[in-house]
Every structure is written in structure tokens, then in C-alpha cells.
Amino acid sequence: MEMDAREHDVRAVEWTGDGLRLLDQTVLPGRVEHVVIRDVDGLVEAIRRLVVRGAPALGVAGAFGVAIALRQAEREGWDAAALDAAVARIRAARPTAVNLAAGVDRVRPLAAAGAEAVAAEAQALLEEDVRGNRAIGAFGADWILGRAGDRPLRVLTHCNAGALATAGWGTALGVVRELHGRGRVETVYVDETRPLLQGSRLTAWELARAGIPCAVQADGAAPSTILRGLADVAVIGADRIAANGDTANKIGSVGVALACAAAGIPLVVAAPWSTVDLALPDGGGVPIEERPAEEILGPDGARTAPRGVGAFNPAFDVTPARLVTALVTETGVLEVAAGETPALAGR
């Protein structure tokens, strides 16, 4: 583990030439450290432990993971079956984020050409993600200012969909950063995002570094903030979007969506097109990852619930498409009329 010598950069995933350099998101905001991964076990553990997280970042990490598996197979003399099993483990390390599987699947056909060819395609995916995020930011900012008014806005966001969750810039936070660059952000309400506090630990860290005014609030405060008229728009990311527009995002997103619908303010979902799973008809088929009970019962080793009490710890929820006002991807904005669902399959 090494300390970051370039603290001004926010790069969650970087290829070193012989391994994957990950910004360790489990120790933020207290420390800025990187972990270098050179084997499949290390990558799978890093994904499951949320050293690297966020759907687009997972897609890039998964793509580079195939190169790591190829290098390890060569070092250790694996046969084809062992290599296939290792790649399958990477692909399935987190089931809800479709980008992880998509990243693996994109580079897998190049495996016969070797690790260098796979790494080159993974790097192309990384660069595409950064360009796409910039486009998402511009499209999203244009749409929001057209809908909510060309003025400084009060924005609410949930979880972390910034540079830390992507190859760079961010999706939902990319929209916020674009608005800020245009002088159109009054403040950002940052949901703390239980149980691992990706909002307060990661989103607030990114916003503070960018000089964007923000305030962390408890997840349970978000609906009240919206219904009191304190927010003009909510912008969130997504880990999987079904063909009908149902959207899987970090647990707690549904409460934000319901409050936005009740208050009549836009709920904007910002994500790359790779997050859309056209093979999934609706959100009922999204696999919902369940995290360890200790994340709720004893965070950081300090038990907060009685001994013998169990926990239910779903990592994601699914927002019905009818509650989503607009979907923003790198290809543009799909606006959803009230009570309707978007037809993604034909786009």
C-alpha cells in the first residue's frame, strides 16, 4: 500500500502496465491511499470490500481484471478451465452492477490475443467512460437549467456517483460539477447513504475538493428536505437500468424518488448507456446484493444493536420508471412523461 503523491487527481482505477492501481475508497476521507492489484483473488476481494465501487468504475476494473487473470495464468501455468473460472469470479464479484459484467464481456473475446491486447481495450473503455461522463454532465446540466430555471440551484444527491465511482469526472456528480462550472449551484444536499456512508465519506469529499458548497444530511432527512421545498432537483446515479426504465441504485434512492414525485421536482438519473440492461424487461429481475450484517449491527467494530439480533442489509433498491423524470446518458436525455415509462429497447 502506498500513499498518493498526486492528491489533486481523483482516479479510482489506473493501469500500471503490470497491475491495477486502485484508490482505496474504504479509508477515505481520512487517508488517501492506493492499492496495487496483480492477482485475481486481490481484485475480487477489492471489489467485494468496496476498495473500488461504482458501476462504471467496476466495468473498467473488470475489463483490466481479465488482463490480470491472463498474466496470472501465464505465471502460474493455469489451464483454460482455470482461466475461465477466474474470469467468471471477477465477472460475478458484485451482481447488481451490470457494468462489471459488461466490462469483462467487452474484452473477453480478445483474450486469445494476450494480456496486452486486453489491457489496451480496457484502457479504451476507461477513456470512453471519461468522455461519456463529460457528455452526461453537459446534457444533464442543459436539461436541468431548462426545466428548473437558469439560476443557482439547490441539488440533492444520494450515494456517490462522482469521479470515485467512474473512470473520471462522474455521472450524477458530473452533472453537478458542470452546473457548478456554470455558476449554477447554490448548495448540494448530500445524503450520508447508509450503511457505508458513501455520501458523507466520498461525495462530500469530492465536492469539498472541487469547492462546491454542500451539506451532509441523514438519509431519513432527504424526503423532508424535498417536501419542505429546500431542493430544486435530485440527481442520482444507477447501477442497472431495466429496459422499461426501472432504475437500481443505492438503497434509499426510492425514498428520494417518492418525495420528488410528491413535491413535483425532477428526479434525474445520470448513467452511461452501458448501465442499461436491455435483456432485463423490468426492475423486478434486478439481483439485489445483500451485504454483511456487521455493516449495520457493528460498523467499525462498535456494536450498535443487541447481541442476537439479526440484520437485513440490501445494498440497492429499484425505483420504478414512473418516478424518474429524466434519464441522462452520454447520448442525450430521455425525458419521461408523468405516469409513463421510457421505451429504452428501441433507442
Protein backbone atom coordinates (compact mmCIF):
# COMPACT_ATOMS: atom_id res chain seq x y z
CA MET A 1 0.00 0.00 0.00
CA GLU A 2 1.36 3.39 -0.95
CA MET A 3 0.44 6.97 -0.16
CA ASP A 4 -0.89 9.05 -3.02
CA ALA A 5 1.64 11.58 -4.27
CA ARG A 6 -0.90 13.24 -6.56
CA GLU A 7 -3.70 14.18 -4.22
CA HIS A 8 -5.13 16.68 -6.70
CA ASP A 9 -6.08 13.84 -9.06
CA VAL A 10 -9.16 11.69 -8.46
CA ARG A 11 -8.64 8.47 -10.38
CA ALA A 12 -10.35 5.43 -8.98
CA VAL A 13 -8.82 2.99 -11.48
CA GLU A 14 -5.46 3.15 -13.30
CA TRP A 15 -3.44 0.53 -15.18
CA THR A 16 0.25 0.47 -14.23
CA GLY A 17 1.41 -1.80 -17.03
CA ASP A 18 1.51 -4.89 -14.86
CA GLY A 19 -1.36 -4.35 -12.43
CA LEU A 20 -4.33 -2.26 -11.40
CA ARG A 21 -3.83 0.78 -9.16
CA LEU A 22 -6.99 1.40 -7.14
CA LEU A 23 -7.76 4.38 -4.95
CA ASP A 24 -8.78 2.71 -1.68
CA GLN A 25 -12.22 4.12 -1.01
CA THR A 26 -12.57 2.31 2.30
CA VAL A 27 -10.15 4.70 4.06
CA LEU A 28 -11.48 7.98 2.65
CA PRO A 29 -11.81 10.74 3.70
CA GLY A 30 -9.26 10.24 6.46
CA ARG A 31 -6.47 8.93 4.22
CA VAL A 32 -5.70 8.93 0.51
CA GLU A 33 -4.05 5.62 -0.31
CA HIS A 34 -3.72 3.33 -3.31
CA VAL A 35 -3.65 -0.44 -3.55
CA VAL A 36 -1.93 -2.18 -6.46
CA ILE A 37 -3.64 -5.41 -7.56
CA ARG A 38 -1.79 -8.08 -9.54
CA ASP A 39 -3.88 -11.22 -8.96
CA VAL A 40 -7.49 -12.32 -9.27
CA ASP A 41 -8.02 -13.00 -5.56
CA GLY A 42 -6.89 -9.48 -4.74
CA LEU A 43 -9.18 -7.93 -7.32
CA VAL A 44 -12.24 -9.92 -6.26
CA GLU A 45 -11.60 -9.01 -2.63
CA ALA A 46 -11.12 -5.34 -3.54
CA ILE A 47 -14.43 -5.30 -5.42
CA ARG A 48 -16.34 -7.04 -2.63
CA ARG A 49 -14.75 -4.89 0.08
CA LEU A 50 -15.59 -1.72 -1.92
CA VAL A 51 -12.00 -0.62 -2.36
CA VAL A 52 -13.28 0.06 -5.86
CA ARG A 53 -17.01 0.65 -6.35
CA GLY A 54 -19.50 2.43 -8.58
CA ALA A 55 -20.91 0.81 -11.70
CA PRO A 56 -18.70 2.49 -14.35
CA ALA A 57 -15.52 2.07 -12.28
CA LEU A 58 -16.37 -1.58 -11.76
CA GLY A 59 -16.76 -2.01 -15.51
CA VAL A 60 -13.28 -0.64 -16.11
CA ALA A 61 -11.81 -2.68 -13.23
CA GLY A 62 -13.47 -5.83 -14.58
CA ALA A 63 -12.01 -5.25 -18.04
CA PHE A 64 -8.50 -4.79 -16.65
CA GLY A 65 -9.18 -7.79 -14.42
CA VAL A 66 -9.21 -10.05 -17.47
CA ALA A 67 -5.67 -8.85 -18.28
CA ILE A 68 -4.67 -9.56 -14.68
CA ALA A 69 -6.12 -13.09 -14.97
CA LEU A 70 -4.22 -13.70 -18.20
CA ARG A 71 -0.96 -12.56 -16.63
CA GLN A 72 -1.56 -14.75 -13.59
CA ALA A 73 -2.49 -17.73 -15.76
CA GLU A 74 0.82 -17.40 -17.58
CA ARG A 75 2.81 -17.07 -14.34
CA GLU A 76 1.14 -20.00 -12.62
CA GLY A 77 0.53 -22.32 -15.54
CA TRP A 78 -3.27 -22.38 -15.45
CA ASP A 79 -5.20 -24.38 -17.98
CA ALA A 80 -8.12 -22.92 -19.96
CA ALA A 81 -10.68 -24.08 -17.40
CA ALA A 82 -8.86 -22.39 -14.51
CA LEU A 83 -8.61 -19.17 -16.50
CA ASP A 84 -12.31 -19.24 -17.38
CA ALA A 85 -13.20 -19.82 -13.73
CA ALA A 86 -11.04 -16.89 -12.62
CA VAL A 87 -12.62 -14.54 -15.14
CA ALA A 88 -16.08 -15.74 -14.09
CA ARG A 89 -15.25 -14.91 -10.46
CA ILE A 90 -14.34 -11.36 -11.42
CA ARG A 91 -17.50 -11.00 -13.50
CA ALA A 92 -19.74 -12.13 -10.62
CA ALA A 93 -17.97 -10.33 -7.76
CA ARG A 94 -20.89 -7.86 -7.38
CA PRO A 95 -24.14 -8.94 -9.02
CA THR A 96 -26.24 -5.76 -9.19
CA ALA A 97 -23.91 -3.52 -11.22
CA VAL A 98 -24.32 -4.66 -14.82
CA ASN A 99 -21.23 -2.67 -15.89
CA LEU A 100 -18.90 -5.13 -14.17
CA ALA A 101 -20.11 -8.00 -16.33
CA ALA A 102 -20.23 -5.74 -19.38
CA GLY A 103 -16.61 -4.68 -18.91
CA VAL A 104 -15.45 -8.30 -18.65
CA ASP A 105 -17.53 -9.32 -21.66
CA ARG A 106 -16.18 -6.48 -23.80
CA VAL A 107 -12.55 -7.58 -23.52
CA ARG A 108 -13.01 -11.32 -23.14
CA PRO A 109 -13.04 -12.01 -26.92
CA LEU A 110 -9.50 -10.54 -27.06
CA ALA A 111 -8.11 -12.99 -24.51
CA ALA A 112 -6.59 -15.17 -27.22
CA ALA A 113 -4.53 -12.17 -28.35
CA GLY A 114 -2.99 -11.85 -24.91
CA ALA A 115 -2.95 -9.59 -21.89
CA GLU A 116 -1.58 -6.56 -23.74
CA ALA A 117 -4.46 -6.58 -26.21
CA VAL A 118 -6.97 -6.93 -23.39
CA ALA A 119 -5.36 -4.11 -21.39
CA ALA A 120 -5.40 -1.85 -24.46
CA GLU A 121 -9.13 -2.43 -24.92
CA ALA A 122 -9.73 -1.86 -21.20
CA GLN A 123 -7.85 1.44 -21.47
CA ALA A 124 -10.07 2.39 -24.40
CA LEU A 125 -13.10 1.64 -22.21
CA LEU A 126 -11.65 3.87 -19.46
CA GLU A 127 -11.13 6.76 -21.86
CA GLU A 128 -14.61 6.30 -23.33
CA ASP A 129 -16.08 6.48 -19.83
CA VAL A 130 -14.38 9.79 -19.08
CA ARG A 131 -15.56 11.28 -22.38
CA GLY A 132 -19.03 9.91 -21.81
CA ASN A 133 -19.18 11.35 -18.30
CA ARG A 134 -18.32 14.79 -19.63
CA ALA A 135 -21.16 14.47 -22.13
CA ILE A 136 -23.54 13.30 -19.40
CA GLY A 137 -22.62 16.36 -17.35
CA ALA A 138 -23.29 18.76 -20.21
CA PHE A 139 -26.55 17.11 -21.30
CA GLY A 140 -27.79 16.89 -17.72
CA ALA A 141 -26.93 20.49 -16.85
CA ASP A 142 -28.62 21.78 -20.02
CA TRP A 143 -31.79 19.83 -19.27
CA ILE A 144 -31.96 20.82 -15.59
CA LEU A 145 -31.45 24.52 -16.29
CA GLY A 146 -34.10 24.35 -18.98
CA ARG A 147 -36.53 22.63 -16.63
CA ALA A 148 -35.77 24.22 -13.23
CA GLY A 149 -34.67 27.64 -14.43
CA ASP A 150 -31.33 29.22 -15.31
CA ARG A 151 -30.38 30.22 -11.77
CA PRO A 152 -28.34 28.90 -8.85
CA LEU A 153 -29.96 25.63 -7.79
CA ARG A 154 -30.23 23.56 -4.65
CA VAL A 155 -29.36 20.00 -5.64
CA LEU A 156 -29.87 16.79 -3.67
CA THR A 157 -27.86 13.65 -4.38
CA HIS A 158 -27.68 10.14 -2.94
CA CYS A 159 -24.69 7.80 -2.60
CA ASN A 160 -21.60 8.58 -4.70
CA ALA A 161 -21.70 8.89 -8.48
CA GLY A 162 -18.63 11.06 -8.91
CA ALA A 163 -15.11 10.53 -10.17
CA LEU A 164 -14.61 7.88 -7.48
CA ALA A 165 -17.41 5.77 -8.97
CA THR A 166 -16.23 6.10 -12.56
CA ALA A 167 -13.08 6.36 -14.63
CA GLY A 168 -13.15 10.11 -14.02
CA TRP A 169 -15.38 13.22 -13.69
CA GLY A 170 -18.54 11.35 -12.62
CA THR A 171 -22.11 10.79 -13.75
CA ALA A 172 -24.56 12.36 -11.27
CA LEU A 173 -21.74 14.41 -9.76
CA GLY A 174 -20.54 15.12 -13.27
CA VAL A 175 -23.84 16.94 -13.79
CA VAL A 176 -23.34 18.82 -10.51
CA ARG A 177 -19.78 19.73 -11.46
CA GLU A 178 -20.95 21.05 -14.82
CA LEU A 179 -23.65 23.13 -13.10
CA HIS A 180 -21.06 24.47 -10.68
CA GLY A 181 -18.75 25.36 -13.56
CA ARG A 182 -21.56 27.47 -14.97
CA GLY A 183 -22.13 29.17 -11.61
CA ARG A 184 -25.48 27.47 -11.12
CA VAL A 185 -25.08 25.60 -7.83
CA GLU A 186 -26.24 27.25 -4.62
CA THR A 187 -25.69 24.15 -2.47
CA VAL A 188 -25.77 20.36 -2.62
CA TYR A 189 -27.58 18.26 -0.03
CA VAL A 190 -25.52 15.08 0.32
CA ASP A 191 -27.37 12.08 1.73
CA GLU A 192 -24.97 10.28 4.05
CA THR A 193 -26.01 6.98 2.40
CA ARG A 194 -26.17 4.21 4.93
CA PRO A 195 -24.75 1.83 5.85
CA LEU A 196 -21.28 2.60 4.46
CA LEU A 197 -21.67 6.38 4.22
CA GLN A 198 -20.59 6.77 0.60
CA GLY A 199 -22.29 10.15 0.61
CA SER A 200 -20.61 11.68 3.64
CA ARG A 201 -17.27 9.91 3.13
CA LEU A 202 -16.94 10.13 -0.65
CA THR A 203 -19.39 12.56 -2.26
CA ALA A 204 -18.80 15.31 0.30
CA TRP A 205 -15.04 14.73 -0.07
CA GLU A 206 -15.25 15.17 -3.84
CA LEU A 207 -17.48 18.23 -3.62
CA ALA A 208 -15.29 19.90 -1.00
CA ARG A 209 -12.18 19.33 -3.14
CA ALA A 210 -13.99 20.92 -6.08
CA GLY A 211 -15.07 23.94 -4.00
CA ILE A 212 -18.77 23.13 -4.37
CA PRO A 213 -20.93 24.17 -1.36
CA CYS A 214 -22.51 21.13 0.27
CA ALA A 215 -24.11 19.85 3.45
CA VAL A 216 -24.33 16.22 4.60
CA GLN A 217 -27.70 15.05 5.87
CA ALA A 218 -29.08 11.79 7.26
CA ASP A 219 -30.81 9.62 4.67
CA GLY A 220 -34.04 9.92 6.61
CA ALA A 221 -33.90 13.72 6.27
CA ALA A 222 -33.92 13.67 2.46
CA PRO A 223 -37.69 13.33 1.90
CA SER A 224 -38.35 16.13 4.37
CA THR A 225 -35.75 18.37 2.71
CA ILE A 226 -37.52 17.84 -0.61
CA LEU A 227 -41.06 18.26 0.72
CA ARG A 228 -40.10 21.44 2.60
CA GLY A 229 -39.13 23.00 -0.72
CA LEU A 230 -35.44 23.17 0.10
CA ALA A 231 -34.28 21.31 -3.04
CA ASP A 232 -34.90 22.17 -6.69
CA VAL A 233 -33.75 18.89 -8.25
CA ALA A 234 -32.39 15.49 -7.21
CA VAL A 235 -29.65 13.87 -9.29
CA ILE A 236 -28.62 10.27 -8.67
CA GLY A 237 -26.66 7.58 -10.48
CA ALA A 238 -27.59 4.00 -11.32
CA ASP A 239 -26.07 0.55 -11.17
CA ARG A 240 -28.55 -1.04 -13.56
CA ILE A 241 -31.43 0.29 -15.64
CA ALA A 242 -34.00 -2.16 -16.96
CA ALA A 243 -35.45 -1.94 -20.47
CA ASN A 244 -38.60 -0.27 -19.13
CA GLY A 245 -36.59 2.39 -17.27
CA ASP A 246 -36.77 0.93 -13.75
CA THR A 247 -33.57 2.01 -12.03
CA ALA A 248 -31.45 0.19 -9.45
CA ASN A 249 -29.36 2.47 -7.25
CA LYS A 250 -28.02 2.53 -3.71
CA ILE A 251 -30.56 1.70 -1.02
CA GLY A 252 -32.50 4.82 -0.08
CA SER A 253 -32.99 6.08 -3.63
CA VAL A 254 -36.67 5.08 -3.67
CA GLY A 255 -37.44 7.41 -0.76
CA VAL A 256 -35.82 10.28 -2.66
CA ALA A 257 -37.83 9.40 -5.78
CA LEU A 258 -41.15 9.26 -3.93
CA ALA A 259 -40.51 12.61 -2.28
CA CYS A 260 -39.56 14.20 -5.61
CA ALA A 261 -42.80 12.95 -7.16
CA ALA A 262 -44.84 14.28 -4.22
CA ALA A 263 -43.10 17.67 -4.31
CA GLY A 264 -43.17 17.99 -8.09
CA ILE A 265 -39.42 18.43 -8.56
CA PRO A 266 -37.35 16.50 -11.11
CA LEU A 267 -35.59 13.25 -10.29
CA VAL A 268 -32.73 12.93 -12.76
CA VAL A 269 -30.89 9.62 -13.19
CA ALA A 270 -27.45 10.04 -14.77
CA ALA A 271 -25.61 6.96 -16.01
CA PRO A 272 -23.69 5.69 -19.04
CA TRP A 273 -25.61 3.73 -21.65
CA SER A 274 -23.66 0.62 -20.57
CA THR A 275 -25.72 0.66 -17.36
CA VAL A 276 -28.88 -0.04 -19.38
CA ASP A 277 -29.65 -3.77 -19.42
CA LEU A 278 -31.97 -4.29 -22.37
CA ALA A 279 -32.14 -8.01 -21.63
CA LEU A 280 -33.92 -7.20 -18.36
CA PRO A 281 -37.59 -6.32 -19.00
CA ASP A 282 -38.16 -4.54 -15.69
CA GLY A 283 -36.65 -3.89 -12.29
CA GLY A 284 -38.24 -6.96 -10.75
CA GLY A 285 -35.41 -9.03 -12.18
CA VAL A 286 -32.56 -6.94 -10.79
CA PRO A 287 -30.43 -9.06 -8.43
CA ILE A 288 -30.27 -7.16 -5.15
CA GLU A 289 -26.97 -7.65 -3.39
CA GLU A 290 -27.22 -8.22 0.37
CA ARG A 291 -24.25 -7.00 2.34
CA PRO A 292 -22.85 -8.42 5.61
CA ALA A 293 -24.92 -7.86 8.74
CA GLU A 294 -21.96 -6.30 10.55
CA GLU A 295 -22.22 -3.19 8.37
CA ILE A 296 -25.44 -2.35 10.20
CA LEU A 297 -25.07 -4.10 13.54
CA GLY A 298 -21.47 -3.15 14.27
CA PRO A 299 -19.93 -0.58 11.94
CA ASP A 300 -16.22 -0.02 12.58
CA GLY A 301 -16.34 -2.72 15.25
CA ALA A 302 -18.63 -0.74 17.57
CA ARG A 303 -21.81 -2.76 18.02
CA THR A 304 -24.95 -0.65 17.88
CA ALA A 305 -27.59 -3.40 18.18
CA PRO A 306 -28.25 -6.00 20.89
CA ARG A 307 -26.48 -9.35 20.68
CA GLY A 308 -28.57 -11.98 18.96
CA VAL A 309 -30.42 -9.50 16.74
CA GLY A 310 -30.16 -10.14 13.02
CA ALA A 311 -29.94 -7.66 10.15
CA PHE A 312 -31.43 -7.12 6.73
CA ASN A 313 -28.90 -5.23 4.62
CA PRO A 314 -29.86 -4.86 0.94
CA ALA A 315 -27.32 -2.70 -0.87
CA PHE A 316 -29.72 -1.44 -3.56
CA ASP A 317 -33.34 -0.64 -4.24
CA VAL A 318 -35.26 -0.26 -7.50
CA THR A 319 -37.02 2.98 -8.42
CA PRO A 320 -39.99 2.45 -10.76
CA ALA A 321 -39.61 4.24 -14.09
CA ARG A 322 -42.76 6.28 -13.45
CA LEU A 323 -40.91 8.12 -10.67
CA VAL A 324 -37.93 9.05 -12.88
CA THR A 325 -38.30 12.42 -14.60
CA ALA A 326 -35.33 12.10 -16.94
CA LEU A 327 -32.61 9.61 -17.82
CA VAL A 328 -29.32 11.20 -18.87
CA THR A 329 -26.71 9.19 -20.75
CA GLU A 330 -23.80 10.17 -22.97
CA THR A 331 -26.20 10.03 -25.93
CA GLY A 332 -28.62 12.64 -24.56
CA VAL A 333 -31.65 13.00 -22.29
CA LEU A 334 -34.71 10.79 -22.32
CA GLU A 335 -37.50 12.71 -20.66
CA VAL A 336 -40.23 10.65 -19.01
CA ALA A 337 -43.78 11.97 -19.10
CA ALA A 338 -45.75 11.65 -15.87
CA GLY A 339 -47.15 8.17 -15.43
CA GLU A 340 -45.30 6.74 -18.44
CA THR A 341 -42.28 4.51 -18.77
CA PRO A 342 -39.50 5.08 -21.30
CA ALA A 343 -39.03 2.74 -24.24
CA LEU A 344 -35.31 2.07 -23.99
CA ALA A 345 -35.22 -1.05 -26.14
CA GLY A 346 -35.75 0.91 -29.33
CA ARG A 347 -33.04 3.51 -28.68
